[in-house]
Amino acid sequence: MKKQQVVEALVEAGTYSPALDLLIEIYLDAYEEYAKDRSEKLRKELAKYLGQLGLDGKNKDLIKKSGVLLEKSKEEPPEEKPAAETNKLLQFRQRMSK
C-alpha cells in the first residue's frame, strides 16, 4: 500500500521510472524501521531517501496547484522574446541596407 502511494506520487510528479524501484524498496524498508522506532536518525534517513526520489518538496520545477502537481513550464507558456529580438535585427538590417 505504501509502495503504491510512493509510485503514484512519482507518477503525478512526472518523475517515475522503473529504475527507481530499488530506491523505493530501500525507502520502504527505512520507513518500516522508522515506524517501529521513531528516532531522529531514522527520520533524517527517510528525508534523505525522499530527497533522492524527488519527493521532498525541494524540487523547484514542480508546484502544487489544486491538488495536482504541474511542471512550471507547462503551467506558464514561455515568452517569445527571441523572435522579437530577431525582428529588431531584421529591422536594423533593412534600415542599414537602404
PDB file of N, CA and C in Angstrom:
ATOM      1  N   MET A   1       0.832  -1.192   0.000  1.00  0.00           N
ATOM      2  CA  MET A   1       0.000   0.000   0.000  1.00  0.00           C
ATOM      3  C   MET A   1       0.873   1.251   0.000  1.00  0.00           C
ATOM      4  N   LYS A   2       1.885   1.281   0.860  1.00  0.00           N
ATOM      5  CA  LYS A   2       2.778   2.438   0.926  1.00  0.00           C
ATOM      6  C   LYS A   2       3.554   2.577  -0.385  1.00  0.00           C
ATOM      7  N   LYS A   3       3.938   1.431  -0.980  1.00  0.00           N
ATOM      8  CA  LYS A   3       4.662   1.478  -2.253  1.00  0.00           C
ATOM      9  C   LYS A   3       3.798   2.123  -3.325  1.00  0.00           C
ATOM     10  N   GLN A   4       2.522   1.778  -3.339  1.00  0.00           N
ATOM     11  CA  GLN A   4       1.609   2.351  -4.325  1.00  0.00           C
ATOM     12  C   GLN A   4       1.512   3.863  -4.151  1.00  0.00           C
ATOM     13  N   GLN A   5       1.503   4.338  -2.902  1.00  0.00           N
ATOM     14  CA  GLN A   5       1.464   5.778  -2.639  1.00  0.00           C
ATOM     15  C   GLN A   5       2.695   6.467  -3.210  1.00  0.00           C
ATOM     16  N   VAL A   6       3.848   5.877  -2.996  1.00  0.00           N
ATOM     17  CA  VAL A   6       5.095   6.463  -3.486  1.00  0.00           C
ATOM     18  C   VAL A   6       5.106   6.481  -5.011  1.00  0.00           C
ATOM     19  N   VAL A   7       4.722   5.369  -5.626  1.00  0.00           N
ATOM     20  CA  VAL A   7       4.702   5.286  -7.085  1.00  0.00           C
ATOM     21  C   VAL A   7       3.718   6.298  -7.659  1.00  0.00           C
ATOM     22  N   GLU A   8       2.534   6.413  -7.053  1.00  0.00           N
ATOM     23  CA  GLU A   8       1.547   7.383  -7.532  1.00  0.00           C
ATOM     24  C   GLU A   8       2.063   8.810  -7.410  1.00  0.00           C
ATOM     25  N   ALA A   9       2.759   9.109  -6.323  1.00  0.00           N
ATOM     26  CA  ALA A   9       3.325  10.452  -6.151  1.00  0.00           C
ATOM     27  C   ALA A   9       4.373  10.734  -7.219  1.00  0.00           C
ATOM     28  N   LEU A  10       5.195   9.741  -7.528  1.00  0.00           N
ATOM     29  CA  LEU A  10       6.206   9.918  -8.568  1.00  0.00           C
ATOM     30  C   LEU A  10       5.574  10.065  -9.948  1.00  0.00           C
ATOM     31  N   VAL A  11       4.532   9.286 -10.216  1.00  0.00           N
ATOM     32  CA  VAL A  11       3.836   9.386 -11.497  1.00  0.00           C
ATOM     33  C   VAL A  11       3.194  10.763 -11.627  1.00  0.00           C
ATOM     34  N   GLU A  12       2.546  11.216 -10.556  1.00  0.00           N
ATOM     35  CA  GLU A  12       1.908  12.531 -10.564  1.00  0.00           C
ATOM     36  C   GLU A  12       2.934  13.636 -10.786  1.00  0.00           C
ATOM     37  N   ALA A  13       4.119  13.461 -10.229  1.00  0.00           N
ATOM     38  CA  ALA A  13       5.186  14.454 -10.398  1.00  0.00           C
ATOM     39  C   ALA A  13       5.858  14.322 -11.761  1.00  0.00           C
ATOM     40  N   GLY A  14       5.557  13.238 -12.468  1.00  0.00           N
ATOM     41  CA  GLY A  14       6.145  13.029 -13.783  1.00  0.00           C
ATOM     42  C   GLY A  14       7.584  12.555 -13.727  1.00  0.00           C
ATOM     43  N   THR A  15       7.981  11.944 -12.608  1.00  0.00           N
ATOM     44  CA  THR A  15       9.372  11.523 -12.456  1.00  0.00           C
ATOM     45  C   THR A  15       9.521  10.025 -12.236  1.00  0.00           C
ATOM     46  N   TYR A  16       8.443   9.253 -12.378  1.00  0.00           N
ATOM     47  CA  TYR A  16       8.552   7.814 -12.125  1.00  0.00           C
ATOM     48  C   TYR A  16       9.312   7.127 -13.251  1.00  0.00           C
ATOM     49  N   SER A  17      10.147   6.199 -12.862  1.00  0.00           N
ATOM     50  CA  SER A  17      10.867   5.339 -13.792  1.00  0.00           C
ATOM     51  C   SER A  17      11.058   3.998 -13.090  1.00  0.00           C
ATOM     52  N   PRO A  18      10.974   2.898 -13.825  1.00  0.00           N
ATOM     53  CA  PRO A  18      11.218   1.596 -13.194  1.00  0.00           C
ATOM     54  C   PRO A  18      12.604   1.504 -12.550  1.00  0.00           C
ATOM     55  N   ALA A  19      13.526   2.337 -12.988  1.00  0.00           N
ATOM     56  CA  ALA A  19      14.867   2.343 -12.393  1.00  0.00           C
ATOM     57  C   ALA A  19      14.822   2.780 -10.934  1.00  0.00           C
ATOM     58  N   LEU A  20      13.764   3.453 -10.524  1.00  0.00           N
ATOM     59  CA  LEU A  20      13.626   3.917  -9.142  1.00  0.00           C
ATOM     60  C   LEU A  20      13.078   2.845  -8.203  1.00  0.00           C
ATOM     61  N   ASP A  21      12.663   1.703  -8.738  1.00  0.00           N
ATOM     62  CA  ASP A  21      12.053   0.662  -7.901  1.00  0.00           C
ATOM     63  C   ASP A  21      12.953   0.225  -6.750  1.00  0.00           C
ATOM     64  N   LEU A  22      14.249   0.087  -7.000  1.00  0.00           N
ATOM     65  CA  LEU A  22      15.170  -0.321  -5.936  1.00  0.00           C
ATOM     66  C   LEU A  22      15.228   0.744  -4.837  1.00  0.00           C
ATOM     67  N   LEU A  23      15.315   2.004  -5.230  1.00  0.00           N
ATOM     68  CA  LEU A  23      15.343   3.085  -4.244  1.00  0.00           C
ATOM     69  C   LEU A  23      14.024   3.159  -3.475  1.00  0.00           C
ATOM     70  N   ILE A  24      12.917   2.879  -4.152  1.00  0.00           N
ATOM     71  CA  ILE A  24      11.613   2.855  -3.475  1.00  0.00           C
ATOM     72  C   ILE A  24      11.605   1.757  -2.418  1.00  0.00           C
ATOM     73  N   GLU A  25      12.133   0.581  -2.758  1.00  0.00           N
ATOM     74  CA  GLU A  25      12.192  -0.529  -1.797  1.00  0.00           C
ATOM     75  C   GLU A  25      13.063  -0.165  -0.597  1.00  0.00           C
ATOM     76  N   ILE A  26      14.188   0.498  -0.845  1.00  0.00           N
ATOM     77  CA  ILE A  26      15.066   0.928   0.257  1.00  0.00           C
ATOM     78  C   ILE A  26      14.328   1.924   1.144  1.00  0.00           C
ATOM     79  N   TYR A  27      13.603   2.853   0.517  1.00  0.00           N
ATOM     80  CA  TYR A  27      12.819   3.826   1.287  1.00  0.00           C
ATOM     81  C   TYR A  27      11.774   3.113   2.141  1.00  0.00           C
ATOM     82  N   LEU A  28      11.092   2.132   1.565  1.00  0.00           N
ATOM     83  CA  LEU A  28      10.045   1.416   2.306  1.00  0.00           C
ATOM     84  C   LEU A  28      10.620   0.639   3.487  1.00  0.00           C
ATOM     85  N   ASP A  29      11.801   0.050   3.300  1.00  0.00           N
ATOM     86  CA  ASP A  29      12.460  -0.637   4.420  1.00  0.00           C
ATOM     87  C   ASP A  29      12.792   0.354   5.533  1.00  0.00           C
ATOM     88  N   ALA A  30      13.314   1.515   5.147  1.00  0.00           N
ATOM     89  CA  ALA A  30      13.642   2.548   6.137  1.00  0.00           C
ATOM     90  C   ALA A  30      12.377   3.054   6.819  1.00  0.00           C
ATOM     91  N   TYR A  31      11.275   3.129   6.067  1.00  0.00           N
ATOM     92  CA  TYR A  31      10.010   3.581   6.643  1.00  0.00           C
ATOM     93  C   TYR A  31       9.511   2.594   7.699  1.00  0.00           C
ATOM     94  N   GLU A  32       9.639   1.297   7.410  1.00  0.00           N
ATOM     95  CA  GLU A  32       9.222   0.277   8.383  1.00  0.00           C
ATOM     96  C   GLU A  32      10.035   0.384   9.667  1.00  0.00           C
ATOM     97  N   GLU A  33      11.342   0.607   9.524  1.00  0.00           N
ATOM     98  CA  GLU A  33      12.192   0.781  10.707  1.00  0.00           C
ATOM     99  C   GLU A  33      11.773   2.023  11.485  1.00  0.00           C
ATOM    100  N   TYR A  34      11.480   3.098  10.768  1.00  0.00           N
ATOM    101  CA  TYR A  34      11.074   4.345  11.414  1.00  0.00           C
ATOM    102  C   TYR A  34       9.740   4.171  12.137  1.00  0.00           C
ATOM    103  N   ALA A  35       8.819   3.399  11.540  1.00  0.00           N
ATOM    104  CA  ALA A  35       7.516   3.171  12.168  1.00  0.00           C
ATOM    105  C   ALA A  35       7.671   2.435  13.504  1.00  0.00           C
ATOM    106  N   LYS A  36       8.676   1.565  13.602  1.00  0.00           N
ATOM    107  CA  LYS A  36       8.917   0.827  14.844  1.00  0.00           C
ATOM    108  C   LYS A  36       9.611   1.687  15.890  1.00  0.00           C
ATOM    109  N   ASP A  37      10.608   2.436  15.462  1.00  0.00           N
ATOM    110  CA  ASP A  37      11.420   3.230  16.393  1.00  0.00           C
ATOM    111  C   ASP A  37      11.569   4.645  15.838  1.00  0.00           C
ATOM    112  N   ARG A  38      10.696   5.522  16.257  1.00  0.00           N
ATOM    113  CA  ARG A  38      10.682   6.892  15.728  1.00  0.00           C
ATOM    114  C   ARG A  38      11.833   7.728  16.292  1.00  0.00           C
ATOM    115  N   SER A  39      13.017   7.504  15.736  1.00  0.00           N
ATOM    116  CA  SER A  39      14.189   8.251  16.195  1.00  0.00           C
ATOM    117  C   SER A  39      14.526   9.356  15.188  1.00  0.00           C
ATOM    118  N   GLU A  40      15.276  10.327  15.643  1.00  0.00           N
ATOM    119  CA  GLU A  40      15.689  11.448  14.794  1.00  0.00           C
ATOM    120  C   GLU A  40      16.583  10.963  13.655  1.00  0.00           C
ATOM    121  N   LYS A  41      17.451  10.012  13.953  1.00  0.00           N
ATOM    122  CA  LYS A  41      18.355   9.464  12.940  1.00  0.00           C
ATOM    123  C   LYS A  41      17.568   8.825  11.796  1.00  0.00           C
ATOM    124  N   LEU A  42      16.555   8.031  12.140  1.00  0.00           N
ATOM    125  CA  LEU A  42      15.750   7.372  11.109  1.00  0.00           C
ATOM    126  C   LEU A  42      14.894   8.377  10.340  1.00  0.00           C
ATOM    127  N   ARG A  43      14.441   9.423  11.016  1.00  0.00           N
ATOM    128  CA  ARG A  43      13.669  10.466  10.332  1.00  0.00           C
ATOM    129  C   ARG A  43      14.528  11.159   9.278  1.00  0.00           C
ATOM    130  N   LYS A  44      15.774  11.452   9.637  1.00  0.00           N
ATOM    131  CA  LYS A  44      16.689  12.096   8.685  1.00  0.00           C
ATOM    132  C   LYS A  44      17.001  11.170   7.509  1.00  0.00           C
ATOM    133  N   GLU A  45      17.116   9.885   7.801  1.00  0.00           N
ATOM    134  CA  GLU A  45      17.368   8.905   6.741  1.00  0.00           C
ATOM    135  C   GLU A  45      16.185   8.854   5.776  1.00  0.00           C
ATOM    136  N   LEU A  46      14.962   8.871   6.321  1.00  0.00           N
ATOM    137  CA  LEU A  46      13.765   8.899   5.470  1.00  0.00           C
ATOM    138  C   LEU A  46      13.746  10.148   4.605  1.00  0.00           C
ATOM    139  N   ALA A  47      14.069  11.288   5.204  1.00  0.00           N
ATOM    140  CA  ALA A  47      14.086  12.549   4.460  1.00  0.00           C
ATOM    141  C   ALA A  47      15.111  12.494   3.328  1.00  0.00           C
ATOM    142  N   LYS A  48      16.246  11.860   3.586  1.00  0.00           N
ATOM    143  CA  LYS A  48      17.287  11.719   2.562  1.00  0.00           C
ATOM    144  C   LYS A  48      16.760  10.894   1.384  1.00  0.00           C
ATOM    145  N   TYR A  49      16.082   9.788   1.689  1.00  0.00           N
ATOM    146  CA  TYR A  49      15.548   8.946   0.623  1.00  0.00           C
ATOM    147  C   TYR A  49      14.445   9.664  -0.154  1.00  0.00           C
ATOM    148  N   LEU A  50      13.603  10.401   0.536  1.00  0.00           N
ATOM    149  CA  LEU A  50      12.572  11.175  -0.161  1.00  0.00           C
ATOM    150  C   LEU A  50      13.214  12.202  -1.088  1.00  0.00           C
ATOM    151  N   GLY A  51      14.292  12.809  -0.631  1.00  0.00           N
ATOM    152  CA  GLY A  51      15.014  13.766  -1.466  1.00  0.00           C
ATOM    153  C   GLY A  51      15.589  13.108  -2.707  1.00  0.00           C
ATOM    154  N   GLN A  52      16.128  11.906  -2.549  1.00  0.00           N
ATOM    155  CA  GLN A  52      16.680  11.185  -3.691  1.00  0.00           C
ATOM    156  C   GLN A  52      15.588  10.802  -4.686  1.00  0.00           C
ATOM    157  N   LEU A  53      14.390  10.573  -4.172  1.00  0.00           N
ATOM    158  CA  LEU A  53      13.260  10.264  -5.049  1.00  0.00           C
ATOM    159  C   LEU A  53      12.648  11.525  -5.658  1.00  0.00           C
ATOM    160  N   GLY A  54      13.022  12.682  -5.143  1.00  0.00           N
ATOM    161  CA  GLY A  54      12.472  13.942  -5.647  1.00  0.00           C
ATOM    162  C   GLY A  54      11.134  14.288  -5.035  1.00  0.00           C
ATOM    163  N   LEU A  55      10.828  13.728  -3.864  1.00  0.00           N
ATOM    164  CA  LEU A  55       9.531  13.950  -3.227  1.00  0.00           C
ATOM    165  C   LEU A  55       9.653  14.721  -1.916  1.00  0.00           C
ATOM    166  N   ASP A  56      10.710  15.495  -1.775  1.00  0.00           N
ATOM    167  CA  ASP A  56      10.929  16.194  -0.512  1.00  0.00           C
ATOM    168  C   ASP A  56      10.437  17.637  -0.507  1.00  0.00           C
ATOM    169  N   GLY A  57       9.812  18.082  -1.579  1.00  0.00           N
ATOM    170  CA  GLY A  57       9.293  19.448  -1.624  1.00  0.00           C
ATOM    171  C   GLY A  57      10.336  20.475  -2.015  1.00  0.00           C
ATOM    172  N   LYS A  58      11.540  20.044  -2.326  1.00  0.00           N
ATOM    173  CA  LYS A  58      12.586  20.976  -2.725  1.00  0.00           C
ATOM    174  C   LYS A  58      12.724  21.065  -4.237  1.00  0.00           C
ATOM    175  N   ASN A  59      11.942  20.304  -4.961  1.00  0.00           N
ATOM    176  CA  ASN A  59      12.001  20.315  -6.413  1.00  0.00           C
ATOM    177  C   ASN A  59      11.302  21.565  -6.916  1.00  0.00           C
ATOM    178  N   LYS A  60      12.073  22.545  -7.343  1.00  0.00           N
ATOM    179  CA  LYS A  60      11.519  23.833  -7.725  1.00  0.00           C
ATOM    180  C   LYS A  60      10.853  23.808  -9.098  1.00  0.00           C
ATOM    181  N   ASP A  61      11.030  22.724  -9.857  1.00  0.00           N
ATOM    182  CA  ASP A  61      10.388  22.621 -11.154  1.00  0.00           C
ATOM    183  C   ASP A  61       8.925  22.214 -11.033  1.00  0.00           C
ATOM    184  N   LEU A  62       8.535  21.803  -9.845  1.00  0.00           N
ATOM    185  CA  LEU A  62       7.160  21.368  -9.631  1.00  0.00           C
ATOM    186  C   LEU A  62       6.472  22.289  -8.640  1.00  0.00           C
ATOM    187  N   ILE A  63       5.222  22.571  -8.897  1.00  0.00           N
ATOM    188  CA  ILE A  63       4.430  23.337  -7.939  1.00  0.00           C
ATOM    189  C   ILE A  63       3.122  22.594  -7.724  1.00  0.00           C
ATOM    190  N   LYS A  64       2.478  22.883  -6.620  1.00  0.00           N
ATOM    191  CA  LYS A  64       1.216  22.217  -6.329  1.00  0.00           C
ATOM    192  C   LYS A  64       0.087  23.200  -6.591  1.00  0.00           C
ATOM    193  N   LYS A  65      -0.843  22.797  -7.418  1.00  0.00           N
ATOM    194  CA  LYS A  65      -1.972  23.656  -7.750  1.00  0.00           C
ATOM    195  C   LYS A  65      -3.227  22.796  -7.749  1.00  0.00           C
ATOM    196  N   SER A  66      -4.139  23.114  -6.930  1.00  0.00           N
ATOM    197  CA  SER A  66      -5.425  22.422  -6.790  1.00  0.00           C
ATOM    198  C   SER A  66      -5.264  20.909  -6.676  1.00  0.00           C
ATOM    199  N   GLY A  67      -4.286  20.481  -5.881  1.00  0.00           N
ATOM    200  CA  GLY A  67      -4.103  19.065  -5.612  1.00  0.00           C
ATOM    201  C   GLY A  67      -3.379  18.292  -6.685  1.00  0.00           C
ATOM    202  N   VAL A  68      -2.945  18.958  -7.761  1.00  0.00           N
ATOM    203  CA  VAL A  68      -2.257  18.272  -8.845  1.00  0.00           C
ATOM    204  C   VAL A  68      -0.910  18.941  -9.061  1.00  0.00           C
ATOM    205  N   LEU A  69       0.126  18.135  -9.133  1.00  0.00           N
ATOM    206  CA  LEU A  69       1.455  18.686  -9.394  1.00  0.00           C
ATOM    207  C   LEU A  69       1.597  18.972 -10.880  1.00  0.00           C
ATOM    208  N   LEU A  70       2.079  20.159 -11.190  1.00  0.00           N
ATOM    209  CA  LEU A  70       2.294  20.552 -12.575  1.00  0.00           C
ATOM    210  C   LEU A  70       3.700  21.093 -12.725  1.00  0.00           C
ATOM    211  N   GLU A  71       4.291  20.869 -13.880  1.00  0.00           N
ATOM    212  CA  GLU A  71       5.576  21.485 -14.136  1.00  0.00           C
ATOM    213  C   GLU A  71       5.331  22.956 -14.438  1.00  0.00           C
ATOM    214  N   LYS A  72       6.233  23.807 -13.982  1.00  0.00           N
ATOM    215  CA  LYS A  72       6.085  25.234 -14.236  1.00  0.00           C
ATOM    216  C   LYS A  72       6.058  25.517 -15.727  1.00  0.00           C
ATOM    217  N   SER A  73       6.859  24.791 -16.491  1.00  0.00           N
ATOM    218  CA  SER A  73       6.920  25.043 -17.926  1.00  0.00           C
ATOM    219  C   SER A  73       5.589  24.736 -18.606  1.00  0.00           C
ATOM    220  N   LYS A  74       4.819  23.810 -18.055  1.00  0.00           N
ATOM    221  CA  LYS A  74       3.518  23.501 -18.636  1.00  0.00           C
ATOM    222  C   LYS A  74       2.459  24.489 -18.173  1.00  0.00           C
ATOM    223  N   GLU A  75       2.644  25.068 -17.001  1.00  0.00           N
ATOM    224  CA  GLU A  75       1.661  25.994 -16.465  1.00  0.00           C
ATOM    225  C   GLU A  75       1.732  27.353 -17.147  1.00  0.00           C
ATOM    226  N   GLU A  76       2.942  27.860 -17.327  1.00  0.00           N
ATOM    227  CA  GLU A  76       3.129  29.168 -17.924  1.00  0.00           C
ATOM    228  C   GLU A  76       3.813  29.003 -19.272  1.00  0.00           C
ATOM    229  N   PRO A  77       3.181  29.491 -20.350  1.00  0.00           N
ATOM    230  CA  PRO A  77       3.841  29.371 -21.652  1.00  0.00           C
ATOM    231  C   PRO A  77       5.089  30.247 -21.700  1.00  0.00           C
ATOM    232  N   PRO A  78       6.137  29.781 -22.335  1.00  0.00           N
ATOM    233  CA  PRO A  78       7.363  30.576 -22.410  1.00  0.00           C
ATOM    234  C   PRO A  78       7.165  31.823 -23.267  1.00  0.00           C
ATOM    235  N   GLU A  79       7.852  32.877 -22.899  1.00  0.00           N
ATOM    236  CA  GLU A  79       7.755  34.112 -23.664  1.00  0.00           C
ATOM    237  C   GLU A  79       8.492  33.936 -24.985  1.00  0.00           C
ATOM    238  N   GLU A  80       8.004  34.612 -26.014  1.00  0.00           N
ATOM    239  CA  GLU A  80       8.633  34.516 -27.323  1.00  0.00           C
ATOM    240  C   GLU A  80       9.516  35.725 -27.565  1.00  0.00           C
ATOM    241  N   LYS A  81      10.378  36.014 -26.638  1.00  0.00           N
ATOM    242  CA  LYS A  81      11.252  37.167 -26.714  1.00  0.00           C
ATOM    243  C   LYS A  81      12.310  37.024 -27.807  1.00  0.00           C
ATOM    244  N   PRO A  82      12.910  35.846 -28.010  1.00  0.00           N
ATOM    245  CA  PRO A  82      13.921  35.735 -29.069  1.00  0.00           C
ATOM    246  C   PRO A  82      13.388  36.113 -30.446  1.00  0.00           C
ATOM    247  N   ALA A  83      12.125  35.827 -30.731  1.00  0.00           N
ATOM    248  CA  ALA A  83      11.548  36.196 -32.015  1.00  0.00           C
ATOM    249  C   ALA A  83      11.487  37.708 -32.160  1.00  0.00           C
ATOM    250  N   ALA A  84      11.144  38.413 -31.087  1.00  0.00           N
ATOM    251  CA  ALA A  84      11.091  39.872 -31.124  1.00  0.00           C
ATOM    252  C   ALA A  84      12.482  40.444 -31.358  1.00  0.00           C
ATOM    253  N   GLU A  85      13.493  39.847 -30.737  1.00  0.00           N
ATOM    254  CA  GLU A  85      14.865  40.307 -30.946  1.00  0.00           C
ATOM    255  C   GLU A  85      15.290  40.070 -32.384  1.00  0.00           C
ATOM    256  N   THR A  86      14.875  38.973 -32.975  1.00  0.00           N
ATOM    257  CA  THR A  86      15.200  38.689 -34.365  1.00  0.00           C
ATOM    258  C   THR A  86      14.550  39.724 -35.265  1.00  0.00           C
ATOM    259  N   ASN A  87      13.309  40.096 -34.970  1.00  0.00           N
ATOM    260  CA  ASN A  87      12.623  41.115 -35.756  1.00  0.00           C
ATOM    261  C   ASN A  87      13.352  42.442 -35.677  1.00  0.00           C
ATOM    262  N   LYS A  88      13.848  42.809 -34.507  1.00  0.00           N
ATOM    263  CA  LYS A  88      14.601  44.052 -34.357  1.00  0.00           C
ATOM    264  C   LYS A  88      15.867  44.007 -35.194  1.00  0.00           C
ATOM    265  N   LEU A  89      16.517  42.854 -35.230  1.00  0.00           N
ATOM    266  CA  LEU A  89      17.718  42.705 -36.026  1.00  0.00           C
ATOM    267  C   LEU A  89      17.393  42.862 -37.507  1.00  0.00           C
ATOM    268  N   LEU A  90      16.295  42.259 -37.942  1.00  0.00           N
ATOM    269  CA  LEU A  90      15.878  42.398 -39.340  1.00  0.00           C
ATOM    270  C   LEU A  90      15.549  43.844 -39.674  1.00  0.00           C
ATOM    271  N   GLN A  91      14.857  44.526 -38.766  1.00  0.00           N
ATOM    272  CA  GLN A  91      14.529  45.934 -38.993  1.00  0.00           C
ATOM    273  C   GLN A  91      15.797  46.765 -39.115  1.00  0.00           C
ATOM    274  N   PHE A  92      16.765  46.507 -38.267  1.00  0.00           N
ATOM    275  CA  PHE A  92      18.029  47.234 -38.306  1.00  0.00           C
ATOM    276  C   PHE A  92      18.743  46.989 -39.636  1.00  0.00           C
ATOM    277  N   ARG A  93      18.780  45.738 -40.058  1.00  0.00           N
ATOM    278  CA  ARG A  93      19.447  45.419 -41.326  1.00  0.00           C
ATOM    279  C   ARG A  93      18.747  46.085 -42.506  1.00  0.00           C
ATOM    280  N   GLN A  94      17.419  46.131 -42.452  1.00  0.00           N
ATOM    281  CA  GLN A  94      16.672  46.779 -43.530  1.00  0.00           C
ATOM    282  C   GLN A  94      16.972  48.270 -43.580  1.00  0.00           C
ATOM    283  N   ARG A  95      17.050  48.909 -42.415  1.00  0.00           N
ATOM    284  CA  ARG A  95      17.372  50.342 -42.374  1.00  0.00           C
ATOM    285  C   ARG A  95      18.781  50.601 -42.900  1.00  0.00           C
ATOM    286  N   MET A  96      19.709  49.719 -42.554  1.00  0.00           N
ATOM    287  CA  MET A  96      21.097  49.914 -42.968  1.00  0.00           C
ATOM    288  C   MET A  96      21.286  49.653 -44.463  1.00  0.00           C
ATOM    289  N   SER A  97      20.455  48.798 -45.044  1.00  0.00           N
ATOM    290  CA  SER A  97      20.601  48.479 -46.466  1.00  0.00           C
ATOM    291  C   SER A  97      19.969  49.534 -47.369  1.00  0.00           C
ATOM    292  N   LYS A  98      19.177  50.451 -46.808  1.00  0.00           N
ATOM    293  CA  LYS A  98      18.520  51.493 -47.617  1.00  0.00           C
ATOM    294  C   LYS A  98      19.460  52.574 -48.014  1.00  0.00           C
TER     295      LYS A  98
END
